[in-house]
C-alpha atoms as a PDB file:
ATOM      1  CA  MET A   1      43.055 -20.692 -19.314  1.00  0.00           C
ATOM      2  CA  LYS A   2      43.127 -17.221 -19.519  1.00  0.00           C
ATOM      3  CA  LYS A   3      40.159 -17.019 -22.162  1.00  0.00           C
ATOM      4  CA  MET A   4      37.823 -18.973 -20.302  1.00  0.00           C
ATOM      5  CA  PHE A   5      38.461 -16.759 -16.975  1.00  0.00           C
ATOM      6  CA  THR A   6      37.909 -13.592 -19.075  1.00  0.00           C
ATOM      7  CA  THR A   7      34.893 -15.398 -20.562  1.00  0.00           C
ATOM      8  CA  VAL A   8      33.179 -16.105 -17.291  1.00  0.00           C
ATOM      9  CA  MET A   9      34.276 -12.469 -15.718  1.00  0.00           C
ATOM     10  CA  ILE A  10      32.080 -11.370 -18.632  1.00  0.00           C
ATOM     11  CA  LEU A  11      29.208 -13.413 -17.630  1.00  0.00           C
ATOM     12  CA  MET A  12      29.315 -12.808 -14.241  1.00  0.00           C
ATOM     13  CA  LEU A  13      29.606  -8.890 -14.374  1.00  0.00           C
ATOM     14  CA  ILE A  14      26.378  -9.620 -17.285  1.00  0.00           C
ATOM     15  CA  ALA A  15      24.341 -11.638 -14.881  1.00  0.00           C
ATOM     16  CA  ALA A  16      25.531  -8.721 -11.722  1.00  0.00           C
ATOM     17  CA  VAL A  17      23.742  -6.084 -14.506  1.00  0.00           C
ATOM     18  CA  GLY A  18      20.103  -8.305 -14.631  1.00  0.00           C
ATOM     19  CA  VAL A  19      20.155  -8.760 -11.233  1.00  0.00           C
ATOM     20  CA  LEU A  20      21.216  -4.785 -10.242  1.00  0.00           C
ATOM     21  CA  GLN A  21      18.111  -3.535 -12.489  1.00  0.00           C
ATOM     22  CA  VAL A  22      15.232  -6.457 -11.273  1.00  0.00           C
ATOM     23  CA  VAL A  23      16.260  -5.250  -8.006  1.00  0.00           C
ATOM     24  CA  THR A  24      15.735  -1.146  -9.123  1.00  0.00           C
ATOM     25  CA  GLU A  25      12.865  -2.051 -11.041  1.00  0.00           C
ATOM     26  CA  GLN A  26      11.375  -3.875  -7.914  1.00  0.00           C
ATOM     27  CA  ASN A  27      12.487  -0.588  -5.540  1.00  0.00           C
ATOM     28  CA  ALA A  28      10.463   1.740  -8.139  1.00  0.00           C
ATOM     29  CA  PHE A  29       7.494  -0.276  -8.172  1.00  0.00           C
ATOM     30  CA  ALA A  30       7.516  -0.291  -4.333  1.00  0.00           C
ATOM     31  CA  ALA A  31       8.635   3.572  -4.282  1.00  0.00           C
ATOM     32  CA  SER A  32       5.378   4.179  -6.383  1.00  0.00           C
ATOM     33  CA  GLY A  33       3.415   2.498  -3.979  1.00  0.00           C
ATOM     34  CA  LYS A  34       4.755   4.549  -0.530  1.00  0.00           C
ATOM     35  CA  SER A  35       2.483   7.861  -2.241  1.00  0.00           C
ATOM     36  CA  LEU A  36      -0.511   5.589  -2.355  1.00  0.00           C
ATOM     37  CA  TYR A  37       0.032   4.598   0.962  1.00  0.00           C
ATOM     38  CA  ASN A  38       0.831   7.477   2.861  1.00  0.00           C
ATOM     39  CA  LYS A  39      -2.567   8.804   1.260  1.00  0.00           C
ATOM     40  CA  SER A  40      -4.410   6.126   2.227  1.00  0.00           C
ATOM     41  CA  CYS A  41      -3.559   4.038   4.608  1.00  0.00           C
ATOM     42  CA  LYS A  42      -0.564   5.635   7.032  1.00  0.00           C
ATOM     43  CA  SER A  43      -3.235   7.317   9.213  1.00  0.00           C
ATOM     44  CA  CYS A  44      -3.914   4.028  10.793  1.00  0.00           C
ATOM     45  CA  HIS A  45      -1.697   1.102   9.836  1.00  0.00           C
ATOM     46  CA  GLY A  46       1.460   3.607  10.678  1.00  0.00           C
ATOM     47  CA  ALA A  47       4.324   4.950   9.092  1.00  0.00           C
ATOM     48  CA  LYS A  48       5.279   1.361   7.186  1.00  0.00           C
ATOM     49  CA  GLY A  49       2.321  -0.940   8.072  1.00  0.00           C
ATOM     50  CA  GLY A  50       3.030  -1.775  11.435  1.00  0.00           C
ATOM     51  CA  GLY A  51      -0.433  -0.403  12.895  1.00  0.00           C
ATOM     52  CA  ALA A  52      -1.146   2.687  14.391  1.00  0.00           C
ATOM     53  CA  GLY A  53      -4.618   2.147  15.391  1.00  0.00           C
ATOM     54  CA  GLY A  54      -5.423  -0.101  12.667  1.00  0.00           C
ATOM     55  CA  PRO A  55      -3.665  -3.499  12.852  1.00  0.00           C
ATOM     56  CA  ASP A  56      -0.052  -4.386  11.412  1.00  0.00           C
ATOM     57  CA  ILE A  57      -0.379  -5.299   7.721  1.00  0.00           C
ATOM     58  CA  ARG A  58       3.161  -6.643   6.654  1.00  0.00           C
ATOM     59  CA  GLU A  59       2.352 -10.367   7.578  1.00  0.00           C
ATOM     60  CA  GLU A  60      -0.932  -9.965   5.462  1.00  0.00           C
ATOM     61  CA  SER A  61      -0.635 -12.586   1.790  1.00  0.00           C
ATOM     62  CA  PHE A  62      -1.281 -10.331  -1.328  1.00  0.00           C
ATOM     63  CA  ASN A  63      -4.634 -12.197  -1.415  1.00  0.00           C
ATOM     64  CA  SER A  64      -5.761 -11.352   1.563  1.00  0.00           C
ATOM     65  CA  PHE A  65      -4.647  -7.935   1.639  1.00  0.00           C
ATOM     66  CA  LYS A  66      -6.119  -7.462  -1.669  1.00  0.00           C
ATOM     67  CA  LYS A  67      -9.452  -8.922  -0.588  1.00  0.00           C
ATOM     68  CA  ALA A  68      -9.670  -6.498   2.745  1.00  0.00           C
ATOM     69  CA  VAL A  69      -8.515  -3.228   0.674  1.00  0.00           C
ATOM     70  CA  LYS A  70     -11.489  -3.919  -1.929  1.00  0.00           C
ATOM     71  CA  ASN A  71     -14.375  -4.792   0.270  1.00  0.00           C
ATOM     72  CA  GLY A  72     -13.010  -3.366   3.507  1.00  0.00           C
ATOM     73  CA  LYS A  73     -12.259  -5.409   6.761  1.00  0.00           C
ATOM     74  CA  GLU A  74     -13.110  -5.238  10.851  1.00  0.00           C
ATOM     75  CA  GLY A  75     -13.844  -1.584  10.708  1.00  0.00           C
ATOM     76  CA  MET A  76     -11.507  -0.638   7.785  1.00  0.00           C
ATOM     77  CA  PRO A  77     -13.564   1.091   4.362  1.00  0.00           C
ATOM     78  CA  ALA A  78     -13.528  -0.162   1.082  1.00  0.00           C
ATOM     79  CA  PHE A  79     -10.691   1.377  -1.103  1.00  0.00           C
ATOM     80  CA  LYS A  80     -13.248   0.239  -4.090  1.00  0.00           C
ATOM     81  CA  SER A  81     -11.499   3.128  -6.522  1.00  0.00           C
ATOM     82  CA  LEU A  82      -7.914   1.492  -6.106  1.00  0.00           C
ATOM     83  CA  SER A  83      -6.802  -0.186  -8.813  1.00  0.00           C
ATOM     84  CA  SER A  84      -5.477  -3.931  -8.919  1.00  0.00           C
ATOM     85  CA  SER A  85      -1.997  -2.402  -9.663  1.00  0.00           C
ATOM     86  CA  SER A  86      -2.241   0.353  -7.010  1.00  0.00           C
ATOM     87  CA  ILE A  87      -3.026  -2.395  -4.555  1.00  0.00           C
ATOM     88  CA  LYS A  88       0.017  -4.406  -5.829  1.00  0.00           C
ATOM     89  CA  LYS A  89       2.351  -1.123  -5.545  1.00  0.00           C
ATOM     90  CA  ILE A  90       0.674  -0.598  -1.983  1.00  0.00           C
ATOM     91  CA  TRP A  91       1.863  -4.371  -0.816  1.00  0.00           C
ATOM     92  CA  LYS A  92       5.124  -4.359  -2.332  1.00  0.00           C
ATOM     93  CA  TYR A  93       6.250  -0.890  -0.436  1.00  0.00           C
ATOM     94  CA  VAL A  94       4.663  -2.829   3.141  1.00  0.00           C
ATOM     95  CA  HIS A  95       6.966  -5.638   2.367  1.00  0.00           C
ATOM     96  CA  ILE A  96      10.141  -4.266   1.020  1.00  0.00           C
END
């Protein structure tokens, strides 16, 4: 019984470390989007996407967001130079 308890505890610890690593990677990905967001989006969409003259972008699906960034939308200029990866980072930053 003690051996089984020890095994279960070790497996739980391994799982917890795995979850922590995934969360850390997601946060790092989003953090890299913060500087891109501040440079390209913040002046119109506010500190975290809630709108500051431009619309609230926090409820946008990724596909809708990407299309708007690449093509422009309702007075927003197109940001054709942003890569798909950069757009994904910005979107993650706004949604975390």
